[in-house]
Protein backbone atom coordinates (compact mmCIF):
# COMPACT_ATOMS: atom_id res chain seq x y z
CA UNK A 1 0.00 0.00 0.00
CA UNK A 2 1.48 3.34 -1.03
CA UNK A 3 1.70 6.41 1.17
CA UNK A 4 -0.98 8.03 -0.99
CA UNK A 5 -3.37 5.12 -0.35
CA UNK A 6 -2.68 5.25 3.37
CA UNK A 7 -3.35 9.01 3.40
CA UNK A 8 -6.65 8.56 1.55
CA UNK A 9 -7.72 5.78 3.89
CA UNK A 10 -6.81 7.87 6.95
CA UNK A 11 -8.75 10.83 5.54
CA UNK A 12 -11.86 8.65 4.98
CA UNK A 13 -11.60 7.27 8.52
CA UNK A 14 -11.31 10.79 9.95
CA UNK A 15 -14.34 11.98 7.97
CA UNK A 16 -16.35 8.99 9.19
CA UNK A 17 -15.32 9.61 12.80
CA UNK A 18 -16.34 13.26 12.60
CA UNK A 19 -19.77 12.36 11.24
CA UNK A 20 -19.61 14.91 8.46
CA UNK A 21 -18.47 17.76 10.70
CA UNK A 22 -15.36 19.78 10.12
CA UNK A 23 -12.66 19.49 12.79
CA UNK A 24 -13.63 22.97 13.99
CA UNK A 25 -17.30 21.97 14.30
CA UNK A 26 -16.30 18.81 16.19
CA UNK A 27 -14.28 20.89 18.68
CA UNK A 28 -17.20 23.28 19.19
CA UNK A 29 -19.58 20.36 19.78
CA UNK A 30 -17.21 18.79 22.29
CA UNK A 31 -16.90 22.12 24.10
CA UNK A 32 -20.70 22.50 24.30
CA UNK A 33 -21.02 18.95 25.63
CA UNK A 34 -18.41 19.65 28.31
CA UNK A 35 -20.27 22.80 29.35
CA UNK A 36 -23.52 20.86 29.64
CA UNK A 37 -21.77 18.26 31.81
CA UNK A 38 -20.44 21.00 34.09
CA UNK A 39 -23.93 22.48 34.48
CA UNK A 40 -25.44 19.07 35.23
CA UNK A 41 -22.78 18.33 37.86
CA UNK A 42 -23.32 21.71 39.50
CA UNK A 43 -27.07 21.08 39.65
CA UNK A 44 -26.51 17.63 41.16
CA UNK A 45 -24.16 19.07 43.78
CA UNK A 46 -26.71 21.73 44.74
CA UNK A 47 -29.50 19.18 44.98
CA UNK A 48 -27.37 16.83 47.11
CA UNK A 49 -26.41 19.72 49.40
CA UNK A 50 -30.08 20.62 49.85
CA UNK A 51 -30.94 17.01 50.71
CA UNK A 52 -28.05 16.80 53.17
CA UNK A 53 -29.17 19.98 54.93
CA UNK A 54 -32.73 18.64 55.23
CA UNK A 55 -31.44 15.35 56.63
CA UNK A 56 -29.21 17.18 59.11
CA UNK A 57 -32.14 19.33 60.25
CA UNK A 58 -34.29 16.22 60.71
CA UNK A 59 -31.55 14.51 62.72
CA UNK A 60 -31.03 17.56 64.92
CA UNK A 61 -34.78 17.81 65.50
CA UNK A 62 -35.07 14.13 66.47
CA UNK A 63 -32.11 14.37 68.90
CA UNK A 64 -33.00 17.51 70.62
C-alpha atoms as a PDB file:
ATOM      1  CA  UNK A   1       0.000   0.000   0.000  1.00  0.00           C
ATOM      2  CA  UNK A   2       1.477   3.340  -1.026  1.00  0.00           C
ATOM      3  CA  UNK A   3       1.698   6.407   1.173  1.00  0.00           C
ATOM      4  CA  UNK A   4      -0.982   8.027  -0.986  1.00  0.00           C
ATOM      5  CA  UNK A   5      -3.367   5.117  -0.354  1.00  0.00           C
ATOM      6  CA  UNK A   6      -2.682   5.255   3.370  1.00  0.00           C
ATOM      7  CA  UNK A   7      -3.349   9.006   3.398  1.00  0.00           C
ATOM      8  CA  UNK A   8      -6.648   8.559   1.550  1.00  0.00           C
ATOM      9  CA  UNK A   9      -7.720   5.783   3.891  1.00  0.00           C
ATOM     10  CA  UNK A  10      -6.814   7.869   6.945  1.00  0.00           C
ATOM     11  CA  UNK A  11      -8.754  10.834   5.543  1.00  0.00           C
ATOM     12  CA  UNK A  12     -11.859   8.654   4.981  1.00  0.00           C
ATOM     13  CA  UNK A  13     -11.600   7.271   8.524  1.00  0.00           C
ATOM     14  CA  UNK A  14     -11.314  10.792   9.948  1.00  0.00           C
ATOM     15  CA  UNK A  15     -14.337  11.983   7.970  1.00  0.00           C
ATOM     16  CA  UNK A  16     -16.350   8.987   9.192  1.00  0.00           C
ATOM     17  CA  UNK A  17     -15.320   9.607  12.799  1.00  0.00           C
ATOM     18  CA  UNK A  18     -16.341  13.265  12.602  1.00  0.00           C
ATOM     19  CA  UNK A  19     -19.766  12.355  11.239  1.00  0.00           C
ATOM     20  CA  UNK A  20     -19.614  14.909   8.458  1.00  0.00           C
ATOM     21  CA  UNK A  21     -18.473  17.763  10.703  1.00  0.00           C
ATOM     22  CA  UNK A  22     -15.357  19.777  10.118  1.00  0.00           C
ATOM     23  CA  UNK A  23     -12.662  19.488  12.793  1.00  0.00           C
ATOM     24  CA  UNK A  24     -13.630  22.972  13.990  1.00  0.00           C
ATOM     25  CA  UNK A  25     -17.302  21.975  14.304  1.00  0.00           C
ATOM     26  CA  UNK A  26     -16.298  18.815  16.187  1.00  0.00           C
ATOM     27  CA  UNK A  27     -14.282  20.890  18.675  1.00  0.00           C
ATOM     28  CA  UNK A  28     -17.198  23.284  19.193  1.00  0.00           C
ATOM     29  CA  UNK A  29     -19.581  20.365  19.776  1.00  0.00           C
ATOM     30  CA  UNK A  30     -17.207  18.787  22.287  1.00  0.00           C
ATOM     31  CA  UNK A  31     -16.900  22.119  24.098  1.00  0.00           C
ATOM     32  CA  UNK A  32     -20.696  22.501  24.302  1.00  0.00           C
ATOM     33  CA  UNK A  33     -21.020  18.950  25.629  1.00  0.00           C
ATOM     34  CA  UNK A  34     -18.407  19.649  28.311  1.00  0.00           C
ATOM     35  CA  UNK A  35     -20.270  22.802  29.349  1.00  0.00           C
ATOM     36  CA  UNK A  36     -23.523  20.856  29.642  1.00  0.00           C
ATOM     37  CA  UNK A  37     -21.770  18.265  31.814  1.00  0.00           C
ATOM     38  CA  UNK A  38     -20.440  21.000  34.093  1.00  0.00           C
ATOM     39  CA  UNK A  39     -23.928  22.482  34.479  1.00  0.00           C
ATOM     40  CA  UNK A  40     -25.440  19.067  35.234  1.00  0.00           C
ATOM     41  CA  UNK A  41     -22.776  18.325  37.858  1.00  0.00           C
ATOM     42  CA  UNK A  42     -23.322  21.711  39.499  1.00  0.00           C
ATOM     43  CA  UNK A  43     -27.072  21.077  39.647  1.00  0.00           C
ATOM     44  CA  UNK A  44     -26.514  17.634  41.163  1.00  0.00           C
ATOM     45  CA  UNK A  45     -24.162  19.074  43.783  1.00  0.00           C
ATOM     46  CA  UNK A  46     -26.707  21.731  44.739  1.00  0.00           C
ATOM     47  CA  UNK A  47     -29.497  19.177  44.980  1.00  0.00           C
ATOM     48  CA  UNK A  48     -27.371  16.835  47.114  1.00  0.00           C
ATOM     49  CA  UNK A  49     -26.413  19.724  49.400  1.00  0.00           C
ATOM     50  CA  UNK A  50     -30.081  20.622  49.847  1.00  0.00           C
ATOM     51  CA  UNK A  51     -30.937  17.013  50.706  1.00  0.00           C
ATOM     52  CA  UNK A  52     -28.048  16.803  53.172  1.00  0.00           C
ATOM     53  CA  UNK A  53     -29.170  19.977  54.933  1.00  0.00           C
ATOM     54  CA  UNK A  54     -32.731  18.638  55.226  1.00  0.00           C
ATOM     55  CA  UNK A  55     -31.437  15.353  56.633  1.00  0.00           C
ATOM     56  CA  UNK A  56     -29.208  17.176  59.112  1.00  0.00           C
ATOM     57  CA  UNK A  57     -32.142  19.328  60.252  1.00  0.00           C
ATOM     58  CA  UNK A  58     -34.290  16.220  60.710  1.00  0.00           C
ATOM     59  CA  UNK A  59     -31.553  14.507  62.723  1.00  0.00           C
ATOM     60  CA  UNK A  60     -31.027  17.559  64.919  1.00  0.00           C
ATOM     61  CA  UNK A  61     -34.783  17.810  65.502  1.00  0.00           C
ATOM     62  CA  UNK A  62     -35.074  14.135  66.472  1.00  0.00           C
ATOM     63  CA  UNK A  63     -32.115  14.372  68.900  1.00  0.00           C
ATOM     64  CA  UNK A  64     -32.999  17.507  70.618  1.00  0.00           C
END
